N, C-alpha and C. Protein backbone atom coordinates (compact mmCIF):
# COMPACT_ATOMS: atom_id res chain seq x y z
N UNK A 1 137.78 103.67 93.06
CA UNK A 1 136.91 103.44 93.94
C UNK A 1 136.35 101.57 93.43
N UNK A 2 136.21 101.03 94.23
CA UNK A 2 135.44 100.08 94.26
C UNK A 2 133.58 99.65 94.98
N UNK A 3 133.90 99.63 94.23
CA UNK A 3 131.74 99.09 94.58
C UNK A 3 131.43 97.59 94.53
N UNK A 4 130.29 97.41 95.69
CA UNK A 4 130.21 95.86 96.11
C UNK A 4 129.46 95.91 94.74
N UNK A 5 129.97 94.41 94.85
CA UNK A 5 129.71 93.73 93.97
C UNK A 5 127.89 92.85 93.70
N UNK A 6 127.58 92.75 95.57
CA UNK A 6 126.41 91.53 95.38
C UNK A 6 124.96 92.75 94.87
N UNK A 7 125.27 93.94 94.35
CA UNK A 7 123.95 94.36 93.87
C UNK A 7 123.71 93.53 92.31
N UNK A 8 124.69 93.22 91.67
CA UNK A 8 124.76 92.68 90.15
C UNK A 8 125.08 91.27 90.23
N UNK A 9 125.62 90.62 91.80
CA UNK A 9 125.49 88.95 91.60
C UNK A 9 123.71 89.25 91.98
N UNK A 10 123.11 89.02 92.74
CA UNK A 10 121.92 89.53 93.18
C UNK A 10 120.69 89.43 92.00
N UNK A 11 121.11 90.49 90.75
CA UNK A 11 120.78 90.23 89.42
C UNK A 11 120.85 89.48 88.78
N UNK A 12 121.53 88.52 89.16
CA UNK A 12 122.41 87.97 88.27
C UNK A 12 121.36 86.54 88.62
N UNK A 13 121.70 86.22 89.85
CA UNK A 13 120.76 85.60 90.39
C UNK A 13 119.52 84.88 90.35
N UNK A 14 118.78 86.20 89.63
CA UNK A 14 117.42 86.24 89.71
C UNK A 14 116.79 86.33 88.08
N UNK A 15 117.64 87.11 87.34
CA UNK A 15 118.08 86.51 85.69
C UNK A 15 117.84 85.18 85.38
N UNK A 16 119.26 84.34 86.23
CA UNK A 16 119.01 83.11 86.06
C UNK A 16 117.98 82.23 86.55
N UNK A 17 117.14 82.66 87.66
CA UNK A 17 116.18 82.18 87.97
C UNK A 17 115.09 81.86 87.53
N UNK A 18 114.77 83.59 86.57
CA UNK A 18 113.98 83.40 85.82
C UNK A 18 113.31 82.43 84.80
N UNK A 19 114.90 81.88 84.18
CA UNK A 19 114.97 80.88 83.18
C UNK A 19 114.15 79.59 83.96
N UNK A 20 114.23 79.17 85.07
CA UNK A 20 114.10 78.21 85.03
C UNK A 20 112.08 77.80 85.55
N UNK A 21 111.50 76.64 85.52
CA UNK A 21 110.15 76.77 86.17
C UNK A 21 110.73 75.76 87.46
N UNK A 22 111.25 74.94 87.40
CA UNK A 22 111.26 73.72 88.60
C UNK A 22 112.91 75.06 89.11
N UNK A 23 113.16 74.15 90.52
CA UNK A 23 113.85 74.29 91.45
C UNK A 23 115.44 74.80 91.00
N UNK A 24 116.13 75.22 90.77
CA UNK A 24 117.40 75.62 90.70
C UNK A 24 118.12 76.20 91.98
N UNK A 25 119.21 74.74 91.94
CA UNK A 25 120.75 74.88 93.47
C UNK A 25 121.24 76.01 93.59
N UNK A 26 121.93 76.36 94.68
CA UNK A 26 122.62 77.26 94.80
C UNK A 26 124.17 76.75 94.09
N UNK A 27 124.51 75.38 93.62
CA UNK A 27 125.90 74.84 92.90
C UNK A 27 125.57 75.70 91.82
N UNK A 28 124.56 74.87 90.85
CA UNK A 28 124.11 75.79 89.45
C UNK A 28 124.06 76.99 89.78
N UNK A 29 123.75 77.89 90.49
CA UNK A 29 123.59 78.96 90.23
C UNK A 29 125.05 79.79 90.40
N UNK A 30 125.61 79.13 91.19
CA UNK A 30 127.18 79.73 91.51
C UNK A 30 128.27 79.52 90.10
N UNK A 31 127.66 77.99 89.72
CA UNK A 31 128.59 78.47 88.05
C UNK A 31 128.14 80.05 87.92
N UNK A 32 127.08 79.69 86.74
CA UNK A 32 126.36 80.84 85.96
C UNK A 32 127.35 82.27 86.40
N UNK A 33 127.51 82.05 88.34
CA UNK A 33 127.98 83.53 88.55
C UNK A 33 129.55 83.52 88.98
N UNK A 34 129.84 82.39 88.48
CA UNK A 34 131.39 82.16 88.76
C UNK A 34 131.80 82.64 90.31
N UNK A 35 131.13 82.74 91.36
CA UNK A 35 131.20 82.23 92.24
C UNK A 35 131.31 81.21 94.11
N UNK A 36 131.14 80.91 94.89
CA UNK A 36 130.98 79.89 95.77
C UNK A 36 129.17 79.87 95.85
N UNK A 37 128.54 78.45 96.06
CA UNK A 37 127.63 78.45 96.30
C UNK A 37 127.58 79.29 98.05
N UNK A 38 128.35 79.63 98.75
CA UNK A 38 127.75 80.40 99.80
C UNK A 38 127.15 81.66 99.39
N UNK A 39 127.99 82.63 98.79
CA UNK A 39 127.61 83.10 98.03
C UNK A 39 126.50 83.76 98.18
N UNK A 40 126.29 82.55 97.02
CA UNK A 40 124.98 82.49 96.80
C UNK A 40 124.05 82.74 97.63
N UNK A 41 123.71 81.44 98.60
CA UNK A 41 122.82 80.91 99.53
C UNK A 41 122.87 82.37 100.75
N UNK A 42 124.31 83.40 100.95
CA UNK A 42 123.88 84.00 101.63
C UNK A 42 122.56 85.67 100.83
N UNK A 43 123.41 85.60 99.22
CA UNK A 43 122.39 86.91 98.78
C UNK A 43 120.94 86.32 98.79
N UNK A 44 121.01 85.05 98.24
CA UNK A 44 119.42 84.45 98.44
C UNK A 44 118.96 84.41 99.63
N UNK A 45 119.57 84.41 100.52
CA UNK A 45 118.46 84.77 101.88
C UNK A 45 117.56 85.77 101.82
N UNK A 46 118.90 86.73 101.46
CA UNK A 46 118.37 88.31 101.95
C UNK A 46 117.06 88.64 100.57
N UNK A 47 117.29 87.83 99.39
CA UNK A 47 116.36 88.00 98.63
C UNK A 47 114.62 87.29 98.80
N UNK A 48 115.33 86.04 99.77
CA UNK A 48 113.75 84.98 99.77
C UNK A 48 113.14 86.13 101.32
N UNK A 49 113.71 86.75 101.35
CA UNK A 49 112.84 87.70 102.92
C UNK A 49 112.40 89.11 102.83
N UNK A 50 112.99 88.87 101.26
CA UNK A 50 112.47 90.61 100.15
C UNK A 50 111.27 89.86 99.98
N UNK A 51 110.78 88.39 99.28
CA UNK A 51 109.93 87.43 99.38
C UNK A 51 110.42 87.70 97.74
N UNK A 52 111.36 88.11 97.07
CA UNK A 52 111.89 87.63 95.67
C UNK A 52 111.90 86.28 94.79
N UNK A 53 112.39 85.70 96.08
CA UNK A 53 112.53 84.12 95.64
C UNK A 53 112.31 83.38 97.06
N UNK A 54 111.49 82.39 96.42
CA UNK A 54 111.62 81.33 97.29
C UNK A 54 113.55 80.07 97.27
N UNK A 55 113.19 80.43 99.16
CA UNK A 55 114.20 78.82 98.56
C UNK A 55 113.77 77.55 100.17
N UNK A 56 114.21 76.63 100.01
CA UNK A 56 113.64 75.62 99.52
C UNK A 56 114.66 74.68 100.17
N UNK A 57 114.98 74.34 101.43
CA UNK A 57 116.13 73.56 101.76
C UNK A 57 116.15 72.33 101.72
N UNK A 58 117.10 71.29 102.10
CA UNK A 58 117.30 69.76 102.05
C UNK A 58 117.81 69.40 100.95
N UNK A 59 117.56 68.49 100.65
CA UNK A 59 118.23 67.05 99.86
C UNK A 59 118.12 67.33 98.70
N UNK A 60 116.56 67.80 98.32
CA UNK A 60 116.51 68.35 96.85
C UNK A 60 115.88 70.19 97.31
N UNK A 61 116.52 70.36 97.84
CA UNK A 61 115.79 71.75 97.75
C UNK A 61 116.34 72.79 96.67
N UNK A 62 116.30 73.64 96.74
CA UNK A 62 116.62 74.77 95.57
C UNK A 62 115.78 76.08 95.66
N UNK A 63 115.64 76.57 94.39
CA UNK A 63 115.32 78.53 94.76
C UNK A 63 114.33 78.36 93.07
N UNK A 64 113.90 79.28 93.32
CA UNK A 64 112.84 79.85 92.22
C UNK A 64 112.32 81.08 92.37
N UNK A 65 111.64 81.98 91.17
CA UNK A 65 111.52 83.29 91.70
C UNK A 65 110.26 83.06 92.18
N UNK A 66 109.62 84.06 93.11
CA UNK A 66 108.16 83.62 94.10
C UNK A 66 107.09 85.36 93.15
N UNK A 67 107.55 85.13 91.86
CA UNK A 67 106.38 86.52 91.45
C UNK A 67 107.12 86.30 89.68
N UNK A 68 106.15 86.52 88.71
CA UNK A 68 107.10 86.95 87.18
C UNK A 68 108.21 88.15 87.53
N UNK A 69 108.65 87.82 86.21
CA UNK A 69 110.39 88.73 85.99
C UNK A 69 109.78 89.84 85.43
N UNK A 70 108.76 90.22 85.03
CA UNK A 70 108.56 91.71 84.85
C UNK A 70 107.50 92.27 86.06
N UNK A 71 107.44 91.39 87.49
CA UNK A 71 107.39 92.40 88.24
C UNK A 71 107.91 92.40 89.00
N UNK A 72 109.33 92.14 88.84
CA UNK A 72 110.65 92.35 90.14
C UNK A 72 110.93 93.18 89.62
N UNK A 73 111.50 94.72 90.60
CA UNK A 73 111.94 95.82 90.23
C UNK A 73 113.43 95.14 90.37
N UNK A 74 114.56 96.15 89.94
CA UNK A 74 115.61 96.47 90.21
C UNK A 74 115.71 96.69 91.73
N UNK A 75 114.84 98.02 91.77
CA UNK A 75 114.81 98.35 92.69
C UNK A 75 114.52 97.46 94.58
N UNK A 76 113.41 96.65 94.20
CA UNK A 76 113.28 95.63 94.94
C UNK A 76 114.95 94.94 95.60
N UNK A 77 115.81 94.02 94.25
CA UNK A 77 116.11 93.66 94.52
C UNK A 77 117.59 94.45 95.54
N UNK A 78 117.45 95.73 95.28
CA UNK A 78 118.63 96.90 95.48
C UNK A 78 118.46 97.26 96.91
N UNK A 79 116.62 97.36 97.03
CA UNK A 79 116.75 97.30 98.48
C UNK A 79 116.65 95.99 99.68
N UNK A 80 116.50 94.75 98.69
CA UNK A 80 116.24 93.71 99.68
C UNK A 80 117.91 93.27 100.08
N UNK A 81 118.94 93.77 98.85
CA UNK A 81 119.99 93.54 99.61
C UNK A 81 120.46 94.71 100.56
N UNK A 82 120.00 95.57 101.17
CA UNK A 82 120.33 97.01 102.19
C UNK A 82 121.73 97.22 101.49
N UNK A 83 121.52 97.68 100.17
CA UNK A 83 123.10 98.91 99.63
C UNK A 83 122.93 100.03 99.94
N UNK A 84 120.99 100.20 100.30
CA UNK A 84 121.12 102.25 100.07
C UNK A 84 121.87 102.32 100.99
N UNK A 85 122.43 103.54 101.41
CA UNK A 85 122.73 104.33 100.35
C UNK A 85 124.19 103.91 99.75
N UNK A 86 124.02 104.57 98.33
CA UNK A 86 125.35 103.18 96.95
C UNK A 86 126.41 104.30 97.92
N UNK A 87 126.30 105.55 98.26
CA UNK A 87 127.21 107.28 98.44
C UNK A 87 126.64 107.54 99.69
N UNK A 88 128.33 107.15 100.28
CA UNK A 88 127.91 107.83 101.61
C UNK A 88 129.28 108.74 102.05
N UNK A 89 129.30 109.77 102.61
CA UNK A 89 130.08 110.55 103.14
C UNK A 89 131.08 109.51 104.42
N UNK A 90 132.09 110.69 104.05
CA UNK A 90 133.18 110.04 105.08
C UNK A 90 132.70 110.19 106.63
N UNK A 91 133.11 109.07 107.35
CA UNK A 91 133.22 109.36 108.73
C UNK A 91 134.03 109.36 109.60
N UNK A 92 135.07 109.55 108.90
CA UNK A 92 136.68 110.42 109.49
C UNK A 92 136.53 111.26 110.00
N UNK A 93 137.33 111.39 111.01
CA UNK A 93 137.79 112.50 112.16
C UNK A 93 137.61 114.08 111.26
N UNK A 94 136.55 115.11 111.79
CA UNK A 94 136.87 116.77 111.34
C UNK A 94 138.38 117.06 111.61
N UNK A 95 139.35 117.38 110.35
CA UNK A 95 140.22 118.58 110.73
C UNK A 95 139.37 119.92 110.97
N UNK A 96 139.91 120.24 112.09
CA UNK A 96 139.16 121.98 113.12
C UNK A 96 139.48 123.10 112.03
N UNK A 97 140.99 122.27 111.77
CA UNK A 97 141.12 123.93 111.27
C UNK A 97 141.18 124.28 109.79
N UNK A 98 140.38 122.95 109.19
CA UNK A 98 140.75 123.25 107.36
C UNK A 98 138.82 123.28 107.13
N UNK A 99 138.43 124.02 106.65
CA UNK A 99 137.21 124.93 106.06
C UNK A 99 136.46 123.53 105.71
N UNK A 100 137.50 123.07 104.57
CA UNK A 100 136.80 122.05 103.67
C UNK A 100 136.05 120.92 104.46
N UNK A 101 137.21 120.46 105.52
CA UNK A 101 137.61 119.36 106.41
C UNK A 101 136.11 119.39 107.34
N UNK A 102 135.40 121.09 107.51
CA UNK A 102 134.73 121.36 107.85
C UNK A 102 133.11 120.97 107.70
N UNK A 103 132.74 121.30 106.40
CA UNK A 103 132.07 121.32 105.82
C UNK A 103 132.01 120.38 104.77
N UNK A 104 133.22 119.56 104.51
CA UNK A 104 132.72 118.58 102.92
C UNK A 104 131.65 117.88 102.87
N UNK A 105 131.52 117.17 104.37
CA UNK A 105 130.29 115.49 104.80
C UNK A 105 128.85 116.14 104.56
N UNK A 106 128.76 118.06 104.78
CA UNK A 106 127.35 118.20 104.83
C UNK A 106 126.98 118.91 103.26
N UNK A 107 128.01 119.04 102.42
CA UNK A 107 128.09 119.27 101.15
C UNK A 107 127.78 118.40 99.91
N UNK A 108 128.73 117.60 100.56
CA UNK A 108 127.99 115.96 100.25
C UNK A 108 127.24 115.43 100.29
N UNK A 109 126.75 115.28 101.39
CA UNK A 109 125.27 114.58 101.87
C UNK A 109 124.31 114.79 100.53
N UNK A 110 123.97 116.30 100.58
CA UNK A 110 123.21 116.71 99.68
C UNK A 110 123.52 116.37 97.89
N UNK A 111 124.67 116.47 97.61
CA UNK A 111 124.70 115.81 96.59
C UNK A 111 124.60 114.25 96.38
N UNK A 112 124.85 113.51 97.20
CA UNK A 112 124.36 112.27 97.76
C UNK A 112 123.25 111.86 97.21
N UNK A 113 122.80 112.70 98.24
CA UNK A 113 121.35 112.46 98.30
C UNK A 113 120.22 112.21 97.27
N UNK A 114 120.82 113.55 96.58
CA UNK A 114 120.06 113.60 94.86
C UNK A 114 120.14 112.66 94.10
N UNK A 115 121.66 111.70 94.21
CA UNK A 115 122.12 110.95 93.47
C UNK A 115 121.55 109.37 93.66
N UNK A 116 121.02 109.70 94.95
CA UNK A 116 120.46 107.98 95.00
C UNK A 116 119.56 108.27 95.21
N UNK A 117 118.32 109.42 95.09
CA UNK A 117 117.01 109.15 94.32
C UNK A 117 117.20 109.16 92.55
N UNK A 118 117.84 109.89 92.42
CA UNK A 118 117.87 109.20 90.50
C UNK A 118 118.39 108.31 90.41
N UNK A 119 119.59 107.59 91.14
CA UNK A 119 119.30 105.57 91.08
C UNK A 119 118.33 104.94 91.10
N UNK A 120 117.89 105.23 92.01
CA UNK A 120 116.02 104.46 92.84
C UNK A 120 114.95 105.01 91.85
N UNK A 121 114.79 105.59 91.62
CA UNK A 121 113.74 106.06 90.35
C UNK A 121 114.10 105.68 88.87
N UNK A 122 115.49 105.34 89.11
CA UNK A 122 115.85 104.55 87.16
C UNK A 122 115.82 103.26 87.98
N UNK A 123 115.71 102.69 89.11
CA UNK A 123 116.69 101.07 89.46
C UNK A 123 114.31 100.51 89.40
N UNK A 124 113.61 101.62 89.16
CA UNK A 124 112.47 101.43 89.74
C UNK A 124 111.64 100.80 88.53
N UNK A 125 111.66 101.76 87.76
CA UNK A 125 111.30 101.40 86.10
C UNK A 125 112.35 100.10 84.67
N UNK A 126 113.44 99.96 85.78
CA UNK A 126 113.73 98.23 85.26
C UNK A 126 113.38 97.12 85.84
N UNK A 127 112.67 96.13 84.54
CA UNK A 127 112.57 94.83 85.86
C UNK A 127 113.53 93.61 85.53
N UNK A 128 113.63 92.85 85.95
CA UNK A 128 113.69 91.11 85.68
C UNK A 128 113.98 91.27 84.20
N UNK A 129 112.75 91.37 83.91
CA UNK A 129 112.18 90.54 82.35
C UNK A 129 112.75 92.01 81.55
N UNK A 130 113.05 93.21 81.75
CA UNK A 130 113.74 94.08 80.92
C UNK A 130 114.66 93.32 80.22
N UNK A 131 115.66 93.26 82.08
CA UNK A 131 117.73 92.90 82.19
C UNK A 131 117.57 91.52 81.10
N UNK A 132 116.55 90.40 81.02
CA UNK A 132 116.22 88.81 80.62
C UNK A 132 116.31 89.31 79.03
N UNK A 133 115.31 90.08 78.81
CA UNK A 133 114.86 90.77 77.16
C UNK A 133 116.06 91.31 76.58
N UNK A 134 116.96 92.03 76.89
CA UNK A 134 118.33 92.51 76.48
C UNK A 134 119.28 91.48 76.17
N UNK A 135 119.50 91.07 77.51
CA UNK A 135 120.54 89.18 77.75
C UNK A 135 119.84 88.45 76.25
N UNK A 136 118.38 88.67 76.41
CA UNK A 136 117.74 87.56 75.08
C UNK A 136 118.49 87.95 73.15
N UNK A 137 118.04 89.64 73.53
CA UNK A 137 118.52 90.18 72.06
C UNK A 137 119.85 90.01 71.74
N UNK A 138 120.56 90.12 72.16
CA UNK A 138 122.65 89.35 72.38
C UNK A 138 122.83 88.60 71.84
N UNK A 139 122.06 87.48 71.91
CA UNK A 139 122.71 85.93 71.61
C UNK A 139 123.23 86.02 70.06
């Protein structure tokens, strides 16, 4: 199963920004994430809309945090990037002669909703400062 890397990239961007008082460019962030500046800007636009970061356009533009790292939860980033729900049932056609095919989506939707609640609860308890502190402890 392949999962979208957008959430991890969004967290990465915000953690890097937590080290800067001045503006950081999409080029600088792209080097840290090992991706292209366009992807950074697309993710940054969503983080900006959610007021997690501030973005400034132009020659001297860049990005910075809108608030302190301890005030940014991973849940805020998750929701800003519109990744919810993480687990989704299939929208495939149902094979009416198969009891499993007829019922699997209903059963899994309850399980997946429970998993989503647990995920959101965990993400709400973790901040960018927590992630930054764990990274610093690895130095």
